[in-house]
PDB file of N, CA and C in Angstrom:
ATOM      1  N   MET A   1       0.831  -1.168  -0.059  1.00  0.00           N
ATOM      2  CA  MET A   1      -0.021   0.035  -0.029  1.00  0.00           C
ATOM      3  C   MET A   1       0.962   1.241   0.019  1.00  0.00           C
ATOM      4  N   ALA A   2       0.464   2.145  -0.704  1.00  0.00           N
ATOM      5  CA  ALA A   2       1.293   3.400  -0.754  1.00  0.00           C
ATOM      6  C   ALA A   2       1.239   4.297   0.535  1.00  0.00           C
ATOM      7  N   ALA A   3       2.367   4.846   0.687  1.00  0.00           N
ATOM      8  CA  ALA A   3       2.445   5.776   2.065  1.00  0.00           C
ATOM      9  C   ALA A   3       1.278   6.649   2.131  1.00  0.00           C
ATOM     10  N   GLU A   4       1.229   7.520   1.087  1.00  0.00           N
ATOM     11  CA  GLU A   4       0.237   8.531   0.920  1.00  0.00           C
ATOM     12  C   GLU A   4      -0.504   8.452  -0.306  1.00  0.00           C
ATOM     13  N   THR A   5      -1.886   8.502  -0.208  1.00  0.00           N
ATOM     14  CA  THR A   5      -2.707   8.298  -1.446  1.00  0.00           C
ATOM     15  C   THR A   5      -3.058   9.872  -1.727  1.00  0.00           C
ATOM     16  N   VAL A   6      -2.687   9.984  -3.271  1.00  0.00           N
ATOM     17  CA  VAL A   6      -3.026  11.278  -3.901  1.00  0.00           C
ATOM     18  C   VAL A   6      -4.224  11.538  -4.041  1.00  0.00           C
ATOM     19  N   LYS A   7      -4.926  12.654  -3.642  1.00  0.00           N
ATOM     20  CA  LYS A   7      -6.372  13.088  -3.938  1.00  0.00           C
ATOM     21  C   LYS A   7      -6.535  13.596  -5.244  1.00  0.00           C
ATOM     22  N   ALA A   8      -7.211  12.601  -6.170  1.00  0.00           N
ATOM     23  CA  ALA A   8      -7.260  12.855  -7.546  1.00  0.00           C
ATOM     24  C   ALA A   8      -8.368  11.824  -7.993  1.00  0.00           C
ATOM     25  N   LYS A   9      -9.199  12.355  -8.960  1.00  0.00           N
ATOM     26  CA  LYS A   9     -10.004  11.536  -9.650  1.00  0.00           C
ATOM     27  C   LYS A   9      -9.388  11.007 -11.068  1.00  0.00           C
ATOM     28  N   ILE A  10      -9.342   9.743 -11.113  1.00  0.00           N
ATOM     29  CA  ILE A  10      -8.553   9.128 -12.300  1.00  0.00           C
ATOM     30  C   ILE A  10      -9.717   8.279 -12.989  1.00  0.00           C
ATOM     31  N   LEU A  11      -9.786   8.481 -14.464  1.00  0.00           N
ATOM     32  CA  LEU A  11     -10.705   7.527 -15.007  1.00  0.00           C
ATOM     33  C   LEU A  11      -9.747   6.600 -16.135  1.00  0.00           C
ATOM     34  N   TYR A  12      -9.678   5.470 -16.014  1.00  0.00           N
ATOM     35  CA  TYR A  12      -9.044   4.402 -16.964  1.00  0.00           C
ATOM     36  C   TYR A  12      -9.991   3.804 -17.821  1.00  0.00           C
ATOM     37  N   ILE A  13      -9.803   3.969 -19.133  1.00  0.00           N
ATOM     38  CA  ILE A  13     -10.655   3.368 -20.174  1.00  0.00           C
ATOM     39  C   ILE A  13      -9.720   2.456 -21.028  1.00  0.00           C
ATOM     40  N   GLU A  14     -10.067   1.167 -20.942  1.00  0.00           N
ATOM     41  CA  GLU A  14      -9.361   0.229 -21.856  1.00  0.00           C
ATOM     42  C   GLU A  14     -10.345  -0.875 -22.007  1.00  0.00           C
ATOM     43  N   ASP A  15     -10.435  -1.412 -23.385  1.00  0.00           N
ATOM     44  CA  ASP A  15     -11.398  -2.395 -23.531  1.00  0.00           C
ATOM     45  C   ASP A  15     -10.835  -3.698 -23.395  1.00  0.00           C
ATOM     46  N   GLU A  16      -9.615  -3.956 -23.019  1.00  0.00           N
ATOM     47  CA  GLU A  16      -9.126  -5.322 -22.719  1.00  0.00           C
ATOM     48  C   GLU A  16      -9.353  -5.445 -21.249  1.00  0.00           C
ATOM     49  N   ALA A  17     -10.084  -6.380 -20.768  1.00  0.00           N
ATOM     50  CA  ALA A  17     -10.429  -6.447 -19.489  1.00  0.00           C
ATOM     51  C   ALA A  17      -9.415  -6.762 -18.417  1.00  0.00           C
ATOM     52  N   LEU A  18      -8.533  -7.801 -18.870  1.00  0.00           N
ATOM     53  CA  LEU A  18      -7.351  -8.041 -17.991  1.00  0.00           C
ATOM     54  C   LEU A  18      -6.605  -6.938 -17.767  1.00  0.00           C
ATOM     55  N   THR A  19      -6.060  -6.168 -18.761  1.00  0.00           N
ATOM     56  CA  THR A  19      -5.234  -5.032 -18.774  1.00  0.00           C
ATOM     57  C   THR A  19      -5.901  -3.866 -17.747  1.00  0.00           C
ATOM     58  N   ARG A  20      -7.268  -3.820 -17.940  1.00  0.00           N
ATOM     59  CA  ARG A  20      -7.957  -2.737 -17.240  1.00  0.00           C
ATOM     60  C   ARG A  20      -7.911  -3.208 -15.787  1.00  0.00           C
ATOM     61  N   MET A  21      -8.236  -4.316 -15.512  1.00  0.00           N
ATOM     62  CA  MET A  21      -8.297  -4.824 -14.106  1.00  0.00           C
ATOM     63  C   MET A  21      -6.990  -4.644 -13.321  1.00  0.00           C
ATOM     64  N   LEU A  22      -5.970  -5.021 -14.042  1.00  0.00           N
ATOM     65  CA  LEU A  22      -4.420  -4.842 -13.281  1.00  0.00           C
ATOM     66  C   LEU A  22      -4.048  -3.390 -13.166  1.00  0.00           C
ATOM     67  N   MET A  23      -4.458  -2.524 -14.006  1.00  0.00           N
ATOM     68  CA  MET A  23      -4.075  -1.235 -13.956  1.00  0.00           C
ATOM     69  C   MET A  23      -4.845  -0.318 -12.982  1.00  0.00           C
ATOM     70  N   VAL A  24      -6.198  -0.664 -12.974  1.00  0.00           N
ATOM     71  CA  VAL A  24      -7.131  -0.096 -12.007  1.00  0.00           C
ATOM     72  C   VAL A  24      -6.677  -0.586 -10.487  1.00  0.00           C
ATOM     73  N   ARG A  25      -6.351  -1.804 -10.254  1.00  0.00           N
ATOM     74  CA  ARG A  25      -5.855  -2.307  -9.209  1.00  0.00           C
ATOM     75  C   ARG A  25      -4.714  -1.582  -8.596  1.00  0.00           C
ATOM     76  N   GLN A  26      -3.566  -1.183  -9.476  1.00  0.00           N
ATOM     77  CA  GLN A  26      -2.513  -0.328  -9.168  1.00  0.00           C
ATOM     78  C   GLN A  26      -2.836   1.180  -8.907  1.00  0.00           C
ATOM     79  N   LEU A  27      -3.719   1.506  -9.705  1.00  0.00           N
ATOM     80  CA  LEU A  27      -4.061   3.131  -9.401  1.00  0.00           C
ATOM     81  C   LEU A  27      -4.817   3.118  -8.347  1.00  0.00           C
ATOM     82  N   LYS A  28      -5.588   2.313  -7.711  1.00  0.00           N
ATOM     83  CA  LYS A  28      -6.265   2.502  -6.576  1.00  0.00           C
ATOM     84  C   LYS A  28      -5.358   2.476  -5.372  1.00  0.00           C
ATOM     85  N   LEU A  29      -4.143   1.917  -5.543  1.00  0.00           N
ATOM     86  CA  LEU A  29      -3.091   1.962  -4.419  1.00  0.00           C
ATOM     87  C   LEU A  29      -2.578   3.515  -4.172  1.00  0.00           C
ATOM     88  N   TYR A  30      -2.687   4.329  -5.118  1.00  0.00           N
ATOM     89  CA  TYR A  30      -2.116   5.606  -5.301  1.00  0.00           C
ATOM     90  C   TYR A  30      -3.046   6.857  -5.170  1.00  0.00           C
ATOM     91  N   PHE A  31      -4.233   6.496  -5.770  1.00  0.00           N
ATOM     92  CA  PHE A  31      -5.090   7.765  -6.110  1.00  0.00           C
ATOM     93  C   PHE A  31      -6.438   7.390  -5.363  1.00  0.00           C
ATOM     94  N   SER A  32      -7.120   8.573  -4.783  1.00  0.00           N
ATOM     95  CA  SER A  32      -8.173   8.395  -3.913  1.00  0.00           C
ATOM     96  C   SER A  32      -9.374   7.866  -4.739  1.00  0.00           C
ATOM     97  N   ASP A  33      -9.408   8.310  -6.048  1.00  0.00           N
ATOM     98  CA  ASP A  33     -10.862   8.003  -6.649  1.00  0.00           C
ATOM     99  C   ASP A  33     -10.421   7.676  -7.983  1.00  0.00           C
ATOM    100  N   VAL A  34     -10.730   6.135  -8.249  1.00  0.00           N
ATOM    101  CA  VAL A  34     -10.330   5.692  -9.447  1.00  0.00           C
ATOM    102  C   VAL A  34     -11.538   5.155 -10.195  1.00  0.00           C
ATOM    103  N   PHE A  35     -11.681   5.360 -11.351  1.00  0.00           N
ATOM    104  CA  PHE A  35     -13.074   4.807 -11.981  1.00  0.00           C
ATOM    105  C   PHE A  35     -12.550   4.163 -13.252  1.00  0.00           C
ATOM    106  N   GLU A  36     -13.245   3.184 -13.760  1.00  0.00           N
ATOM    107  CA  GLU A  36     -12.987   2.642 -15.109  1.00  0.00           C
ATOM    108  C   GLU A  36     -14.077   2.418 -15.906  1.00  0.00           C
ATOM    109  N   ALA A  37     -13.837   1.949 -17.054  1.00  0.00           N
ATOM    110  CA  ALA A  37     -14.742   1.867 -18.297  1.00  0.00           C
ATOM    111  C   ALA A  37     -13.940   0.899 -19.325  1.00  0.00           C
ATOM    112  N   GLY A  38     -15.076   0.308 -19.921  1.00  0.00           N
ATOM    113  CA  GLY A  38     -14.522  -0.800 -20.991  1.00  0.00           C
ATOM    114  C   GLY A  38     -14.618  -0.143 -22.345  1.00  0.00           C
ATOM    115  N   ASP A  39     -15.115   0.774 -22.740  1.00  0.00           N
ATOM    116  CA  ASP A  39     -15.072   1.325 -23.993  1.00  0.00           C
ATOM    117  C   ASP A  39     -15.531   2.863 -23.921  1.00  0.00           C
ATOM    118  N   GLY A  40     -15.292   3.531 -25.090  1.00  0.00           N
ATOM    119  CA  GLY A  40     -15.232   4.973 -25.055  1.00  0.00           C
ATOM    120  C   GLY A  40     -16.734   5.551 -24.611  1.00  0.00           C
ATOM    121  N   ARG A  41     -17.723   4.766 -25.117  1.00  0.00           N
ATOM    122  CA  ARG A  41     -19.224   5.416 -24.717  1.00  0.00           C
ATOM    123  C   ARG A  41     -19.166   5.353 -23.185  1.00  0.00           C
ATOM    124  N   GLU A  42     -19.025   4.177 -22.699  1.00  0.00           N
ATOM    125  CA  GLU A  42     -19.051   3.971 -21.238  1.00  0.00           C
ATOM    126  C   GLU A  42     -18.248   4.902 -20.487  1.00  0.00           C
ATOM    127  N   GLY A  43     -17.068   5.148 -21.077  1.00  0.00           N
ATOM    128  CA  GLY A  43     -16.028   6.194 -20.526  1.00  0.00           C
ATOM    129  C   GLY A  43     -16.534   7.435 -20.578  1.00  0.00           C
ATOM    130  N   PHE A  44     -17.402   7.811 -21.591  1.00  0.00           N
ATOM    131  CA  PHE A  44     -17.868   9.259 -21.535  1.00  0.00           C
ATOM    132  C   PHE A  44     -18.889   9.455 -20.615  1.00  0.00           C
ATOM    133  N   GLU A  45     -19.945   8.336 -20.322  1.00  0.00           N
ATOM    134  CA  GLU A  45     -20.905   8.315 -19.270  1.00  0.00           C
ATOM    135  C   GLU A  45     -20.221   8.539 -17.877  1.00  0.00           C
ATOM    136  N   VAL A  46     -19.162   7.814 -17.656  1.00  0.00           N
ATOM    137  CA  VAL A  46     -18.385   8.085 -16.262  1.00  0.00           C
ATOM    138  C   VAL A  46     -17.788   9.277 -16.310  1.00  0.00           C
ATOM    139  N   PHE A  47     -17.055   9.876 -17.292  1.00  0.00           N
ATOM    140  CA  PHE A  47     -16.775  10.959 -17.237  1.00  0.00           C
ATOM    141  C   PHE A  47     -17.842  12.293 -16.909  1.00  0.00           C
ATOM    142  N   MET A  48     -18.980  12.047 -17.292  1.00  0.00           N
ATOM    143  CA  MET A  48     -20.100  13.007 -17.070  1.00  0.00           C
ATOM    144  C   MET A  48     -20.581  13.121 -15.725  1.00  0.00           C
ATOM    145  N   SER A  49     -20.497  12.010 -14.918  1.00  0.00           N
ATOM    146  CA  SER A  49     -21.069  11.909 -13.514  1.00  0.00           C
ATOM    147  C   SER A  49     -19.743  12.154 -12.680  1.00  0.00           C
ATOM    148  N   ALA A  50     -18.419  11.575 -12.913  1.00  0.00           N
ATOM    149  CA  ALA A  50     -17.406  11.730 -11.977  1.00  0.00           C
ATOM    150  C   ALA A  50     -16.315  12.935 -12.195  1.00  0.00           C
ATOM    151  N   LYS A  51     -16.522  13.507 -13.579  1.00  0.00           N
ATOM    152  CA  LYS A  51     -15.609  14.707 -13.794  1.00  0.00           C
ATOM    153  C   LYS A  51     -14.210  14.473 -13.417  1.00  0.00           C
ATOM    154  N   PRO A  52     -13.514  13.470 -13.916  1.00  0.00           N
ATOM    155  CA  PRO A  52     -12.126  13.178 -13.314  1.00  0.00           C
ATOM    156  C   PRO A  52     -11.199  14.428 -13.767  1.00  0.00           C
ATOM    157  N   ASP A  53      -9.865  14.265 -13.050  1.00  0.00           N
ATOM    158  CA  ASP A  53      -8.831  15.154 -13.148  1.00  0.00           C
ATOM    159  C   ASP A  53      -7.928  14.710 -14.446  1.00  0.00           C
ATOM    160  N   VAL A  54      -7.965  13.512 -14.505  1.00  0.00           N
ATOM    161  CA  VAL A  54      -7.121  12.697 -15.620  1.00  0.00           C
ATOM    162  C   VAL A  54      -7.912  11.535 -16.121  1.00  0.00           C
ATOM    163  N   ILE A  55      -7.872  11.604 -17.471  1.00  0.00           N
ATOM    164  CA  ILE A  55      -8.385  10.309 -18.229  1.00  0.00           C
ATOM    165  C   ILE A  55      -7.341   9.574 -18.904  1.00  0.00           C
ATOM    166  N   ILE A  56      -7.107   8.350 -18.613  1.00  0.00           N
ATOM    167  CA  ILE A  56      -6.241   7.515 -19.210  1.00  0.00           C
ATOM    168  C   ILE A  56      -6.990   6.711 -20.344  1.00  0.00           C
ATOM    169  N   THR A  57      -6.899   6.789 -21.572  1.00  0.00           N
ATOM    170  CA  THR A  57      -7.726   5.955 -22.531  1.00  0.00           C
ATOM    171  C   THR A  57      -6.865   5.390 -23.634  1.00  0.00           C
ATOM    172  N   ASP A  58      -7.356   4.200 -23.963  1.00  0.00           N
ATOM    173  CA  ASP A  58      -6.871   3.689 -25.187  1.00  0.00           C
ATOM    174  C   ASP A  58      -7.496   4.297 -26.412  1.00  0.00           C
ATOM    175  N   LEU A  59      -6.884   4.262 -27.635  1.00  0.00           N
ATOM    176  CA  LEU A  59      -7.374   4.937 -28.741  1.00  0.00           C
ATOM    177  C   LEU A  59      -8.308   4.036 -29.450  1.00  0.00           C
ATOM    178  N   SER A  60      -7.903   2.621 -29.584  1.00  0.00           N
ATOM    179  CA  SER A  60      -8.722   1.702 -30.443  1.00  0.00           C
ATOM    180  C   SER A  60      -9.741   0.996 -29.434  1.00  0.00           C
ATOM    181  N   MET A  61     -10.986   1.380 -29.487  1.00  0.00           N
ATOM    182  CA  MET A  61     -11.928   0.932 -28.692  1.00  0.00           C
ATOM    183  C   MET A  61     -13.231   0.776 -29.464  1.00  0.00           C
ATOM    184  N   PRO A  62     -14.189  -0.325 -29.124  1.00  0.00           N
ATOM    185  CA  PRO A  62     -15.525  -0.069 -29.797  1.00  0.00           C
ATOM    186  C   PRO A  62     -16.316   0.976 -29.282  1.00  0.00           C
ATOM    187  N   TYR A  63     -17.347   1.317 -30.113  1.00  0.00           N
ATOM    188  CA  TYR A  63     -18.431   2.197 -29.735  1.00  0.00           C
ATOM    189  C   TYR A  63     -18.117   3.715 -29.815  1.00  0.00           C
ATOM    190  N   LEU A  64     -17.125   4.055 -29.202  1.00  0.00           N
ATOM    191  CA  LEU A  64     -16.554   5.449 -29.229  1.00  0.00           C
ATOM    192  C   LEU A  64     -15.004   5.299 -29.217  1.00  0.00           C
ATOM    193  N   ASP A  65     -14.256   5.577 -30.132  1.00  0.00           N
ATOM    194  CA  ASP A  65     -12.820   5.382 -30.121  1.00  0.00           C
ATOM    195  C   ASP A  65     -12.164   6.534 -29.166  1.00  0.00           C
ATOM    196  N   GLY A  66     -10.932   6.579 -28.921  1.00  0.00           N
ATOM    197  CA  GLY A  66     -10.291   7.391 -28.153  1.00  0.00           C
ATOM    198  C   GLY A  66     -10.158   8.970 -28.660  1.00  0.00           C
ATOM    199  N   PHE A  67     -10.195   9.056 -30.031  1.00  0.00           N
ATOM    200  CA  PHE A  67     -10.093  10.280 -30.685  1.00  0.00           C
ATOM    201  C   PHE A  67     -11.619  11.156 -30.479  1.00  0.00           C
ATOM    202  N   GLN A  68     -12.528  10.189 -30.741  1.00  0.00           N
ATOM    203  CA  GLN A  68     -14.014  10.746 -30.503  1.00  0.00           C
ATOM    204  C   GLN A  68     -14.205  11.073 -28.918  1.00  0.00           C
ATOM    205  N   LEU A  69     -13.764  10.310 -28.171  1.00  0.00           N
ATOM    206  CA  LEU A  69     -13.857  10.369 -26.579  1.00  0.00           C
ATOM    207  C   LEU A  69     -13.320  11.913 -26.284  1.00  0.00           C
ATOM    208  N   VAL A  70     -11.914  12.182 -26.693  1.00  0.00           N
ATOM    209  CA  VAL A  70     -11.228  13.419 -26.358  1.00  0.00           C
ATOM    210  C   VAL A  70     -12.105  14.567 -26.954  1.00  0.00           C
ATOM    211  N   GLU A  71     -12.566  14.426 -27.976  1.00  0.00           N
ATOM    212  CA  GLU A  71     -13.188  15.439 -28.707  1.00  0.00           C
ATOM    213  C   GLU A  71     -14.597  15.704 -27.897  1.00  0.00           C
ATOM    214  N   LYS A  72     -15.272  14.690 -27.538  1.00  0.00           N
ATOM    215  CA  LYS A  72     -16.474  14.976 -26.739  1.00  0.00           C
ATOM    216  C   LYS A  72     -16.205  15.458 -25.316  1.00  0.00           C
ATOM    217  N   VAL A  73     -15.249  15.071 -24.725  1.00  0.00           N
ATOM    218  CA  VAL A  73     -14.900  15.620 -23.345  1.00  0.00           C
ATOM    219  C   VAL A  73     -14.499  17.006 -23.565  1.00  0.00           C
ATOM    220  N   ARG A  74     -13.752  17.324 -24.671  1.00  0.00           N
ATOM    221  CA  ARG A  74     -13.356  18.751 -24.539  1.00  0.00           C
ATOM    222  C   ARG A  74     -14.461  19.614 -25.027  1.00  0.00           C
ATOM    223  N   GLU A  75     -15.478  19.125 -25.757  1.00  0.00           N
ATOM    224  CA  GLU A  75     -16.731  19.974 -26.085  1.00  0.00           C
ATOM    225  C   GLU A  75     -17.352  20.198 -24.767  1.00  0.00           C
ATOM    226  N   GLN A  76     -17.224  19.530 -23.640  1.00  0.00           N
ATOM    227  CA  GLN A  76     -17.640  19.942 -22.406  1.00  0.00           C
ATOM    228  C   GLN A  76     -17.237  20.832 -21.485  1.00  0.00           C
ATOM    229  N   GLY A  77     -15.937  21.342 -21.899  1.00  0.00           N
ATOM    230  CA  GLY A  77     -15.223  22.279 -21.258  1.00  0.00           C
ATOM    231  C   GLY A  77     -14.595  21.672 -19.961  1.00  0.00           C
ATOM    232  N   GLY A  78     -13.951  22.479 -19.033  1.00  0.00           N
ATOM    233  CA  GLY A  78     -13.195  21.936 -17.981  1.00  0.00           C
ATOM    234  C   GLY A  78     -11.864  21.684 -18.163  1.00  0.00           C
ATOM    235  N   SER A  79     -11.071  21.131 -17.304  1.00  0.00           N
ATOM    236  CA  SER A  79      -9.750  20.983 -17.160  1.00  0.00           C
ATOM    237  C   SER A  79      -9.197  19.738 -17.223  1.00  0.00           C
ATOM    238  N   THR A  80     -10.150  18.566 -17.585  1.00  0.00           N
ATOM    239  CA  THR A  80      -9.587  17.149 -17.528  1.00  0.00           C
ATOM    240  C   THR A  80      -8.444  17.116 -18.581  1.00  0.00           C
ATOM    241  N   LYS A  81      -7.333  16.325 -17.939  1.00  0.00           N
ATOM    242  CA  LYS A  81      -6.263  16.092 -18.738  1.00  0.00           C
ATOM    243  C   LYS A  81      -6.215  14.749 -19.425  1.00  0.00           C
ATOM    244  N   PHE A  82      -5.475  14.353 -20.445  1.00  0.00           N
ATOM    245  CA  PHE A  82      -5.629  13.197 -21.079  1.00  0.00           C
ATOM    246  C   PHE A  82      -4.168  12.497 -21.187  1.00  0.00           C
ATOM    247  N   ILE A  83      -4.084  11.170 -20.960  1.00  0.00           N
ATOM    248  CA  ILE A  83      -3.078  10.206 -21.213  1.00  0.00           C
ATOM    249  C   ILE A  83      -3.605   9.386 -22.111  1.00  0.00           C
ATOM    250  N   ILE A  84      -2.916   9.188 -23.318  1.00  0.00           N
ATOM    251  CA  ILE A  84      -3.385   8.175 -24.414  1.00  0.00           C
ATOM    252  C   ILE A  84      -2.459   7.097 -24.485  1.00  0.00           C
ATOM    253  N   THR A  85      -3.010   6.095 -24.522  1.00  0.00           N
ATOM    254  CA  THR A  85      -2.298   4.696 -24.577  1.00  0.00           C
ATOM    255  C   THR A  85      -2.478   4.106 -25.961  1.00  0.00           C
ATOM    256  N   THR A  86      -1.377   3.715 -26.691  1.00  0.00           N
ATOM    257  CA  THR A  86      -1.724   3.213 -27.938  1.00  0.00           C
ATOM    258  C   THR A  86      -0.517   2.364 -28.379  1.00  0.00           C
ATOM    259  N   ALA A  87      -0.502   1.261 -29.227  1.00  0.00           N
ATOM    260  CA  ALA A  87       0.560   0.625 -29.797  1.00  0.00           C
ATOM    261  C   ALA A  87       1.036   1.354 -31.293  1.00  0.00           C
ATOM    262  N   PHE A  88       0.117   2.200 -31.647  1.00  0.00           N
ATOM    263  CA  PHE A  88       0.423   2.740 -33.036  1.00  0.00           C
ATOM    264  C   PHE A  88       1.000   4.216 -32.973  1.00  0.00           C
ATOM    265  N   ARG A  89       2.151   4.516 -33.146  1.00  0.00           N
ATOM    266  CA  ARG A  89       2.851   5.811 -33.021  1.00  0.00           C
ATOM    267  C   ARG A  89       2.144   6.887 -34.043  1.00  0.00           C
ATOM    268  N   GLU A  90       2.061   6.183 -35.225  1.00  0.00           N
ATOM    269  CA  GLU A  90       1.620   7.299 -36.330  1.00  0.00           C
ATOM    270  C   GLU A  90       0.022   7.829 -36.016  1.00  0.00           C
ATOM    271  N   GLU A  91      -0.799   7.009 -35.084  1.00  0.00           N
ATOM    272  CA  GLU A  91      -2.075   7.588 -34.730  1.00  0.00           C
ATOM    273  C   GLU A  91      -2.128   8.829 -34.040  1.00  0.00           C
ATOM    274  N   THR A  92      -1.019   9.148 -33.321  1.00  0.00           N
ATOM    275  CA  THR A  92      -1.137  10.107 -32.368  1.00  0.00           C
ATOM    276  C   THR A  92      -0.800  11.620 -32.954  1.00  0.00           C
ATOM    277  N   ASP A  93      -0.388  11.644 -34.169  1.00  0.00           N
ATOM    278  CA  ASP A  93      -0.017  12.965 -34.677  1.00  0.00           C
ATOM    279  C   ASP A  93      -1.077  13.964 -34.530  1.00  0.00           C
ATOM    280  N   SER A  94      -2.390  13.616 -34.747  1.00  0.00           N
ATOM    281  CA  SER A  94      -3.443  14.582 -34.596  1.00  0.00           C
ATOM    282  C   SER A  94      -3.865  15.065 -33.215  1.00  0.00           C
ATOM    283  N   LEU A  95      -3.401  14.172 -32.288  1.00  0.00           N
ATOM    284  CA  LEU A  95      -3.823  14.622 -30.922  1.00  0.00           C
ATOM    285  C   LEU A  95      -3.040  15.759 -30.087  1.00  0.00           C
ATOM    286  N   LYS A  96      -3.567  16.892 -29.833  1.00  0.00           N
ATOM    287  CA  LYS A  96      -2.980  17.959 -29.208  1.00  0.00           C
ATOM    288  C   LYS A  96      -3.350  18.122 -27.740  1.00  0.00           C
ATOM    289  N   ASP A  97      -2.420  18.462 -26.953  1.00  0.00           N
ATOM    290  CA  ASP A  97      -2.443  18.663 -25.458  1.00  0.00           C
ATOM    291  C   ASP A  97      -2.750  17.290 -24.856  1.00  0.00           C
ATOM    292  N   CYS A  98      -2.410  16.230 -25.240  1.00  0.00           N
ATOM    293  CA  CYS A  98      -2.308  14.992 -24.655  1.00  0.00           C
ATOM    294  C   CYS A  98      -0.897  14.313 -24.439  1.00  0.00           C
ATOM    295  N   GLU A  99      -0.734  13.697 -23.354  1.00  0.00           N
ATOM    296  CA  GLU A  99       0.329  12.924 -23.142  1.00  0.00           C
ATOM    297  C   GLU A  99       0.208  11.582 -23.762  1.00  0.00           C
ATOM    298  N   ILE A 100       1.211  11.125 -24.459  1.00  0.00           N
ATOM    299  CA  ILE A 100       1.134   9.744 -25.081  1.00  0.00           C
ATOM    300  C   ILE A 100       2.063   8.857 -24.553  1.00  0.00           C
ATOM    301  N   LEU A 101       1.525   7.487 -24.313  1.00  0.00           N
ATOM    302  CA  LEU A 101       2.268   6.515 -23.720  1.00  0.00           C
ATOM    303  C   LEU A 101       2.110   5.252 -24.909  1.00  0.00           C
ATOM    304  N   PHE A 102       3.137   4.795 -25.277  1.00  0.00           N
ATOM    305  CA  PHE A 102       3.050   3.909 -26.171  1.00  0.00           C
ATOM    306  C   PHE A 102       3.060   2.352 -25.618  1.00  0.00           C
ATOM    307  N   LYS A 103       2.240   1.543 -25.997  1.00  0.00           N
ATOM    308  CA  LYS A 103       2.231   0.179 -25.465  1.00  0.00           C
ATOM    309  C   LYS A 103       3.481  -0.666 -25.969  1.00  0.00           C
ATOM    310  N   PRO A 104       3.821  -1.623 -25.036  1.00  0.00           N
ATOM    311  CA  PRO A 104       3.372  -1.873 -23.793  1.00  0.00           C
ATOM    312  C   PRO A 104       3.820  -0.849 -22.794  1.00  0.00           C
ATOM    313  N   ILE A 105       2.713  -0.449 -21.727  1.00  0.00           N
ATOM    314  CA  ILE A 105       3.266   0.531 -20.782  1.00  0.00           C
ATOM    315  C   ILE A 105       3.270  -0.078 -19.463  1.00  0.00           C
ATOM    316  N   SER A 106       4.187   0.567 -18.552  1.00  0.00           N
ATOM    317  CA  SER A 106       4.269  -0.080 -17.223  1.00  0.00           C
ATOM    318  C   SER A 106       3.368   0.889 -16.269  1.00  0.00           C
ATOM    319  N   PHE A 107       3.320   0.408 -15.197  1.00  0.00           N
ATOM    320  CA  PHE A 107       2.578   1.228 -14.147  1.00  0.00           C
ATOM    321  C   PHE A 107       3.541   2.488 -13.830  1.00  0.00           C
ATOM    322  N   ALA A 108       4.724   2.252 -13.588  1.00  0.00           N
ATOM    323  CA  ALA A 108       5.690   3.322 -13.266  1.00  0.00           C
ATOM    324  C   ALA A 108       5.447   4.459 -14.404  1.00  0.00           C
ATOM    325  N   ASP A 109       5.382   4.129 -15.553  1.00  0.00           N
ATOM    326  CA  ASP A 109       5.150   5.279 -16.561  1.00  0.00           C
ATOM    327  C   ASP A 109       3.820   5.940 -16.459  1.00  0.00           C
ATOM    328  N   VAL A 110       2.808   5.120 -16.035  1.00  0.00           N
ATOM    329  CA  VAL A 110       1.412   5.804 -15.857  1.00  0.00           C
ATOM    330  C   VAL A 110       1.621   6.684 -14.630  1.00  0.00           C
ATOM    331  N   TYR A 111       2.088   6.095 -13.533  1.00  0.00           N
ATOM    332  CA  TYR A 111       2.037   6.962 -12.467  1.00  0.00           C
ATOM    333  C   TYR A 111       2.848   8.221 -12.527  1.00  0.00           C
ATOM    334  N   SER A 112       4.125   8.087 -13.198  1.00  0.00           N
ATOM    335  CA  SER A 112       4.815   9.371 -13.457  1.00  0.00           C
ATOM    336  C   SER A 112       4.131  10.384 -14.241  1.00  0.00           C
ATOM    337  N   CYS A 113       3.408   9.985 -15.295  1.00  0.00           N
ATOM    338  CA  CYS A 113       2.636  10.871 -16.151  1.00  0.00           C
ATOM    339  C   CYS A 113       1.348  11.484 -15.413  1.00  0.00           C
ATOM    340  N   VAL A 114       0.746  10.653 -14.606  1.00  0.00           N
ATOM    341  CA  VAL A 114      -0.486  11.106 -13.827  1.00  0.00           C
ATOM    342  C   VAL A 114      -0.042  12.034 -12.994  1.00  0.00           C
ATOM    343  N   THR A 115       1.013  11.901 -12.232  1.00  0.00           N
ATOM    344  CA  THR A 115       1.489  12.803 -11.167  1.00  0.00           C
ATOM    345  C   THR A 115       2.085  14.200 -11.703  1.00  0.00           C
ATOM    346  N   ARG A 116       2.739  14.082 -12.843  1.00  0.00           N
ATOM    347  CA  ARG A 116       3.089  15.211 -13.690  1.00  0.00           C
ATOM    348  C   ARG A 116       2.069  16.006 -14.041  1.00  0.00           C
ATOM    349  N   LEU A 117       0.972  15.502 -14.499  1.00  0.00           N
ATOM    350  CA  LEU A 117      -0.177  16.189 -14.962  1.00  0.00           C
ATOM    351  C   LEU A 117      -0.976  16.934 -13.804  1.00  0.00           C
ATOM    352  N   LEU A 118      -1.203  16.101 -12.780  1.00  0.00           N
ATOM    353  CA  LEU A 118      -1.913  16.733 -11.693  1.00  0.00           C
ATOM    354  C   LEU A 118      -0.979  17.969 -11.023  1.00  0.00           C
ATOM    355  N   ASN A 119       0.442  17.971 -11.351  1.00  0.00           N
ATOM    356  CA  ASN A 119       1.171  19.014 -10.676  1.00  0.00           C
ATOM    357  C   ASN A 119       1.348  20.135 -11.586  1.00  0.00           C
ATOM    358  N   GLN A 120       0.675  20.172 -12.627  1.00  0.00           N
ATOM    359  CA  GLN A 120       0.889  21.226 -13.701  1.00  0.00           C
ATOM    360  C   GLN A 120      -0.334  22.389 -13.421  1.00  0.00           C
TER     361      GLN A 120
END
């Protein structure tokens, strides 16, 4: 267990269930409020109710992909920050003001990125 839990709302969106379960388990050790979703549409619903500080999302997902999700969240205004996870480097060229983590990702990379964004 982490010595001190950071007070922050984190939303992790990933359609691969095992990956999502493992990452959410780790995030909950370090951050006070962790939410999860299995696709972009569900992620947007969670965003609307939870108003997270940081969204960590895959790009390739069913129903609403990461690009569409970023656009819909930004249309709502607010200061939510994004961390995009993807295996495809060329996909990310059009994403502005998003941190990018290329798969495979480690929890240490995610933690470092989240804490940096929270301290901006």
